[in-house]
Each structure stands twice: as structure tokens, then as C-alpha cells.
């Protein structure tokens, strides 16, 4: 028998015997350590896979801007209020709409146009200069000019936040009463009568915010002080319809 065969025979005889320094407790600890490492590696692998899936699906769920970029959660959209309307533009807008609505209600009129100015109270259109602004002047005022079967005249329009406009409104008036509106505003209807003729009719609308819009009709032309008539060219009912028309945005 060769030396190699003897060596192999001896190894086969003791192959299932533990080594001389064999410690069963040490063996069990090593087995548990290997199991712990294996669990940790599996957990890391699963977490990595979940992160990869989430990274692929989230871009489709997150909001994007107009340029296709993901919206930033740290920069919310601006909530600043829009700039207020310049008073010149407001005067032009209100004047144009009043002309339109007035012409629809009184179809027999000619040459209907508006002439409003900001910060001036009851100015004279024919004056060569604009009067200086005063603290109690309204936001804007002016006239809606028109020509009827008698001649040229105008309606006077005042828009203001000054509550003094209603202080003496009914003083000396023949008729003065309030009419509540469905939108929370109130319209004060006023008429001044001399004899059998109405010399002045007024519709004043007060908003909950303290804003006032007033339209007046006189027996003379308020823009010139001339053109005396027996009665007002426009009654209080038409003035009320104009001052409450939802298409005329006063505020």
C-alpha cells in the first residue's frame, strides 16, 4: 500500500470526528452571525429595490411647471393681490358702460357720451383749467352728456368713499326713501318737486364697504348750468336702474 493510500484511509477514518479544539457554543454563534448578515443583506436589497421603483414612479405623480420641471415644494406660488385699477382707467370703463346702458334704456337719445375725471367734484367741462384737488373731493365725477327732443343736457355722476355725500342728501327733498337691494347694497331715491314739476331726481347707491355711487338728473344742464326745463329729463326709476345695473362695476 502506498503512502497516499494510507493517508487517504486515515482521513476517511476520522472525517466525521470534530477537531480537538472543537467548541459547540462557538460554532452556534458563528452560525447565528452568518444568519444575521444574510438577513441584513436581504433587507438592504429590498430597500434598494423599493427606492428604485419609487424614483421611477414619483416623477409622474409630482406636479410640474409649465416648463416640465418638477414643482418645488419650498417655493409656493405667489399669493400677492393683483394691482389696483388706475383711477383714469376706472373712470373710462364706468363711463363707457353707463353710455351703453343708458342708450339701451332710452333709445330716443342722441350724442350720448361720458366725460369723467378723477379727484374733481362737479367740475365744469368748459373750464380752461382743471380745479385743484381738495381733501373732500370724490374718487371720480363727471357727466353723461346726451341730446333729447328738447336739447342738450347731462346726468351728473359722482363716485366716492366720503360718507358726507349722504349727510344732507334728503334735506329739502319732497321724496326720500331707501330701497334695499338683494346684493346687500341700498339705493336712496330722492326727488325735489316745485309746484307740479320735478326739478331734481337722484339715485344714490351705498355699498357695504362704504363706497357710494350717485347719479343725478336736473331740470337744467348740470355741466353748464343752462338749458332750464320744466322737469328733469330722466326720472328716478331710470337712474336707479343705471346705478344698480350689474354690468356697471362701480367698485
Protein backbone atom coordinates (compact mmCIF):
# COMPACT_ATOMS: atom_id res chain seq x y z
CA UNK A 1 0.00 0.00 0.00
CA UNK A 2 1.35 3.38 -0.97
CA UNK A 3 1.82 6.35 1.35
CA UNK A 4 -1.01 8.30 -0.36
CA UNK A 5 -3.46 5.44 0.09
CA UNK A 6 -2.55 5.19 3.76
CA UNK A 7 -3.11 8.98 4.19
CA UNK A 8 -6.50 8.89 2.46
CA UNK A 9 -7.56 5.89 4.55
CA UNK A 10 -6.70 7.69 7.75
CA UNK A 11 -8.63 10.80 6.66
CA UNK A 12 -11.69 8.69 5.85
CA UNK A 13 -11.49 7.09 9.26
CA UNK A 14 -11.68 10.43 11.11
CA UNK A 15 -13.60 12.65 8.65
CA UNK A 16 -16.72 12.84 10.84
CA UNK A 17 -14.81 13.45 14.07
CA UNK A 18 -14.67 17.01 15.45
CA UNK A 19 -11.29 18.69 15.79
CA UNK A 20 -9.54 18.51 19.14
CA UNK A 21 -10.29 22.20 19.91
CA UNK A 22 -13.95 21.95 18.81
CA UNK A 23 -16.34 24.21 20.83
CA UNK A 24 -20.07 23.76 20.05
CA UNK A 25 -21.03 27.19 21.55
CA UNK A 26 -18.58 28.98 19.26
CA UNK A 27 -19.99 27.13 16.29
CA UNK A 28 -23.56 28.21 17.14
CA UNK A 29 -22.51 31.85 17.49
CA UNK A 30 -20.87 31.78 14.06
CA UNK A 31 -24.00 30.27 12.54
CA UNK A 32 -26.17 32.99 14.08
CA UNK A 33 -23.79 35.70 12.86
CA UNK A 34 -23.96 34.36 9.32
CA UNK A 35 -27.77 34.28 9.50
CA UNK A 36 -27.86 37.92 10.74
CA UNK A 37 -25.57 39.06 7.94
CA UNK A 38 -27.73 37.26 5.41
CA UNK A 39 -30.93 38.93 6.74
CA UNK A 40 -29.27 42.34 6.67
CA UNK A 41 -28.13 41.86 3.09
CA UNK A 42 -31.63 40.79 2.05
CA UNK A 43 -33.22 43.84 3.80
CA UNK A 44 -30.78 46.22 2.13
CA UNK A 45 -31.55 44.67 -1.23
CA UNK A 46 -35.30 45.01 -0.77
CA UNK A 47 -34.99 48.66 0.37
CA UNK A 48 -32.79 49.47 -2.60
CA UNK A 49 -35.32 47.94 -4.97
CA UNK A 50 -38.19 49.94 -3.40
CA UNK A 51 -36.25 53.19 -3.70
CA UNK A 52 -35.52 52.47 -7.34
CA UNK A 53 -39.20 51.80 -8.08
CA UNK A 54 -40.28 54.94 -6.22
CA UNK A 55 -37.79 57.09 -8.09
CA UNK A 56 -39.27 55.90 -11.37
CA UNK A 57 -42.92 56.38 -10.39
CA UNK A 58 -42.82 59.64 -8.39
CA UNK A 59 -41.85 61.98 -11.26
CA UNK A 60 -45.14 61.18 -12.93
CA UNK A 61 -47.09 61.94 -9.77
CA UNK A 62 -45.40 65.15 -8.65
CA UNK A 63 -46.72 68.46 -10.07
CA UNK A 64 -44.76 70.02 -12.85
CA UNK A 65 -44.40 73.56 -14.03
CA UNK A 66 -45.15 74.85 -17.48
CA UNK A 67 -41.56 74.08 -18.50
CA UNK A 68 -41.93 70.41 -17.47
CA UNK A 69 -39.73 70.77 -14.38
CA UNK A 70 -40.84 69.36 -11.05
CA UNK A 71 -42.52 71.99 -8.91
CA UNK A 72 -40.55 72.95 -5.84
CA UNK A 73 -42.31 72.40 -2.51
CA UNK A 74 -40.13 75.01 -0.86
CA UNK A 75 -41.21 77.84 -3.15
CA UNK A 76 -45.03 78.19 -3.01
CA UNK A 77 -46.71 80.29 -5.72
CA UNK A 78 -47.01 83.97 -5.01
CA UNK A 79 -50.31 84.96 -3.39
CA UNK A 80 -49.88 88.71 -3.76
CA UNK A 81 -53.04 90.64 -4.68
CA UNK A 82 -53.36 91.96 -8.24
CA UNK A 83 -52.52 95.64 -8.69
CA UNK A 84 -55.43 98.03 -8.23
CA UNK A 85 -57.04 99.59 -11.28
CA UNK A 86 -55.77 103.11 -12.08
CA UNK A 87 -58.49 105.68 -11.46
CA UNK A 88 -58.18 107.03 -15.02
CA UNK A 89 -58.93 103.61 -16.46
CA UNK A 90 -61.75 103.10 -13.96
CA UNK A 91 -63.36 106.41 -14.96
CA UNK A 92 -63.17 105.47 -18.63
CA UNK A 93 -64.55 101.97 -18.01
CA UNK A 94 -67.51 103.16 -15.94
CA UNK A 95 -68.27 105.98 -18.37
CA UNK A 96 -68.30 103.68 -21.40
CA UNK A 97 -70.58 101.18 -19.69
CA UNK A 98 -73.00 103.86 -18.49
CA UNK A 99 -73.26 105.26 -22.01
CA UNK A 100 -74.05 101.78 -23.32
CA UNK A 101 -76.70 101.02 -20.69
CA UNK A 102 -78.25 104.50 -20.83
CA UNK A 103 -78.63 104.28 -24.59
CA UNK A 104 -80.32 100.87 -24.26
CA UNK A 105 -82.90 102.22 -21.78
CA UNK A 106 -83.66 105.48 -23.59
CA UNK A 107 -83.47 104.82 -27.31
CA UNK A 108 -84.64 108.30 -28.34
CA UNK A 109 -81.38 109.98 -27.28
CA UNK A 110 -78.60 111.28 -29.49
CA UNK A 111 -74.95 112.12 -28.99
CA UNK A 112 -74.59 110.14 -25.76
CA UNK A 113 -71.08 110.21 -24.31
CA UNK A 114 -69.37 110.33 -20.91
CA UNK A 115 -66.83 112.77 -19.54
CA UNK A 116 -65.40 111.65 -16.18
CA UNK A 117 -62.33 112.85 -14.32
CA UNK A 118 -60.66 111.51 -11.17
CA UNK A 119 -60.46 113.53 -7.95
CA UNK A 120 -62.57 116.51 -9.08
CA UNK A 121 -66.02 117.33 -7.75
CA UNK A 122 -68.63 118.59 -10.22
CA UNK A 123 -66.14 120.32 -12.49
CA UNK A 124 -67.19 122.47 -15.41
CA UNK A 125 -66.22 120.76 -18.70
CA UNK A 126 -65.86 124.13 -20.48
CA UNK A 127 -63.41 125.43 -17.89
CA UNK A 128 -59.93 126.06 -19.38
CA UNK A 129 -58.24 124.63 -16.29
CA UNK A 130 -58.89 121.68 -14.00
CA UNK A 131 -59.62 122.80 -10.42
CA UNK A 132 -57.13 121.67 -7.79
CA UNK A 133 -57.83 118.52 -5.83
CA UNK A 134 -59.43 119.00 -2.42
CA UNK A 135 -59.47 116.55 0.51
CA UNK A 136 -63.23 116.02 0.28
CA UNK A 137 -63.27 115.50 -3.48
CA UNK A 138 -64.64 112.13 -4.68
CA UNK A 139 -62.67 109.39 -6.36
CA UNK A 140 -64.13 110.46 -9.68
CA UNK A 141 -67.00 112.56 -11.01
CA UNK A 142 -68.36 113.75 -14.30
CA UNK A 143 -71.27 113.77 -16.69
CA UNK A 144 -73.09 111.59 -19.16
CA UNK A 145 -73.97 114.03 -21.93
CA UNK A 146 -76.90 113.47 -24.28
CA UNK A 147 -79.35 115.25 -26.54
CA UNK A 148 -83.08 114.57 -26.42
CA UNK A 149 -86.07 116.18 -28.17
CA UNK A 150 -85.58 119.39 -26.17
CA UNK A 151 -81.85 119.83 -26.50
CA UNK A 152 -78.51 119.11 -24.91
CA UNK A 153 -78.24 118.23 -21.23
CA UNK A 154 -76.47 115.74 -18.96
CA UNK A 155 -76.61 113.45 -15.96
CA UNK A 156 -74.20 114.10 -13.11
CA UNK A 157 -72.25 111.12 -11.74
CA UNK A 158 -70.25 111.00 -8.50
CA UNK A 159 -68.26 108.05 -7.14
CA UNK A 160 -66.77 108.48 -3.67
CA UNK A 161 -65.94 106.96 -0.29
CA UNK A 162 -66.75 110.18 1.54
CA UNK A 163 -69.83 109.49 3.67
CA UNK A 164 -70.62 113.22 3.75
CA UNK A 165 -72.34 112.69 0.40
CA UNK A 166 -75.44 111.36 2.21
CA UNK A 167 -75.40 113.80 5.13
CA UNK A 168 -77.69 116.43 3.59
CA UNK A 169 -78.97 114.30 0.74
CA UNK A 170 -82.63 114.41 1.79
CA UNK A 171 -82.58 117.97 3.13
CA UNK A 172 -85.46 119.83 1.46
CA UNK A 173 -86.41 116.81 -0.66
CA UNK A 174 -90.06 116.09 -1.39
CA UNK A 175 -89.49 112.34 -1.59
CA UNK A 176 -86.60 110.47 0.02
CA UNK A 177 -86.64 106.76 0.83
CA UNK A 178 -84.28 103.78 0.88
CA UNK A 179 -84.70 100.66 -1.23
CA UNK A 180 -82.75 97.59 -0.09
CA UNK A 181 -81.19 95.51 -2.86
CA UNK A 182 -80.69 91.75 -2.97
CA UNK A 183 -76.90 92.14 -3.13
CA UNK A 184 -76.71 93.93 0.23
CA UNK A 185 -76.49 97.46 -1.16
CA UNK A 186 -79.03 100.21 -0.51
CA UNK A 187 -80.37 102.75 -3.01
CA UNK A 188 -81.68 106.07 -1.74
CA UNK A 189 -84.18 107.61 -4.16
CA UNK A 190 -84.67 111.39 -3.90
CA UNK A 191 -86.93 113.82 -5.75
CA UNK A 192 -87.23 117.57 -5.42
CA UNK A 193 -90.54 118.98 -6.61
CA UNK A 194 -91.58 122.59 -7.22
CA UNK A 195 -95.22 123.01 -7.99
CA UNK A 196 -96.09 120.10 -10.24
CA UNK A 197 -92.66 119.64 -11.77
CA UNK A 198 -89.66 117.60 -10.62
CA UNK A 199 -86.57 119.80 -10.56
CA UNK A 200 -84.09 117.17 -9.41
CA UNK A 201 -84.02 113.37 -9.15
CA UNK A 202 -81.22 111.38 -7.52
CA UNK A 203 -80.32 107.70 -7.06
CA UNK A 204 -77.54 107.07 -4.53
CA UNK A 205 -76.27 103.53 -4.09
CA UNK A 206 -74.38 102.67 -0.93
CA UNK A 207 -72.20 99.55 -0.82
CA UNK A 208 -71.44 97.57 2.37
CA UNK A 209 -67.80 98.64 2.01
CA UNK A 210 -68.78 102.32 2.42
CA UNK A 211 -68.50 103.05 -1.29
CA UNK A 212 -71.05 105.40 -2.91
CA UNK A 213 -72.23 105.79 -6.50
CA UNK A 214 -74.65 108.62 -7.29
CA UNK A 215 -76.44 109.62 -10.50
CA UNK A 216 -78.49 112.83 -10.63
CA UNK A 217 -80.77 114.44 -13.18
CA UNK A 218 -81.63 118.17 -13.07
CA UNK A 219 -84.13 120.46 -14.76
CA UNK A 220 -81.11 122.30 -16.13
CA UNK A 221 -77.87 121.06 -17.61
CA UNK A 222 -75.54 120.37 -14.63
CA UNK A 223 -72.49 120.53 -16.88
CA UNK A 224 -73.19 124.11 -17.99
CA UNK A 225 -75.85 125.49 -15.64
CA UNK A 226 -78.02 126.46 -18.62
CA UNK A 227 -80.85 124.89 -20.60
CA UNK A 228 -83.62 125.24 -18.00
CA UNK A 229 -86.55 122.82 -18.41
CA UNK A 230 -89.87 122.34 -16.74
CA UNK A 231 -88.91 118.93 -15.39
CA UNK A 232 -85.97 116.54 -15.22
CA UNK A 233 -85.13 114.71 -18.47
CA UNK A 234 -84.57 111.39 -16.67
CA UNK A 235 -86.72 110.00 -13.84
CA UNK A 236 -85.55 108.35 -10.65
CA UNK A 237 -86.56 104.89 -11.88
CA UNK A 238 -84.12 105.03 -14.79
CA UNK A 239 -81.40 106.44 -12.53
CA UNK A 240 -81.94 103.57 -10.11
CA UNK A 241 -81.74 101.05 -12.94
CA UNK A 242 -78.43 102.56 -14.07
CA UNK A 243 -76.84 102.73 -10.64
CA UNK A 244 -77.80 99.11 -9.88
CA UNK A 245 -77.00 97.61 -13.28
CA UNK A 246 -74.75 94.58 -12.61
CA UNK A 247 -72.73 95.29 -15.74
CA UNK A 248 -71.56 98.63 -14.32
CA UNK A 249 -68.80 97.72 -11.87
CA UNK A 250 -68.57 100.71 -9.56
CA UNK A 251 -66.06 99.36 -7.04
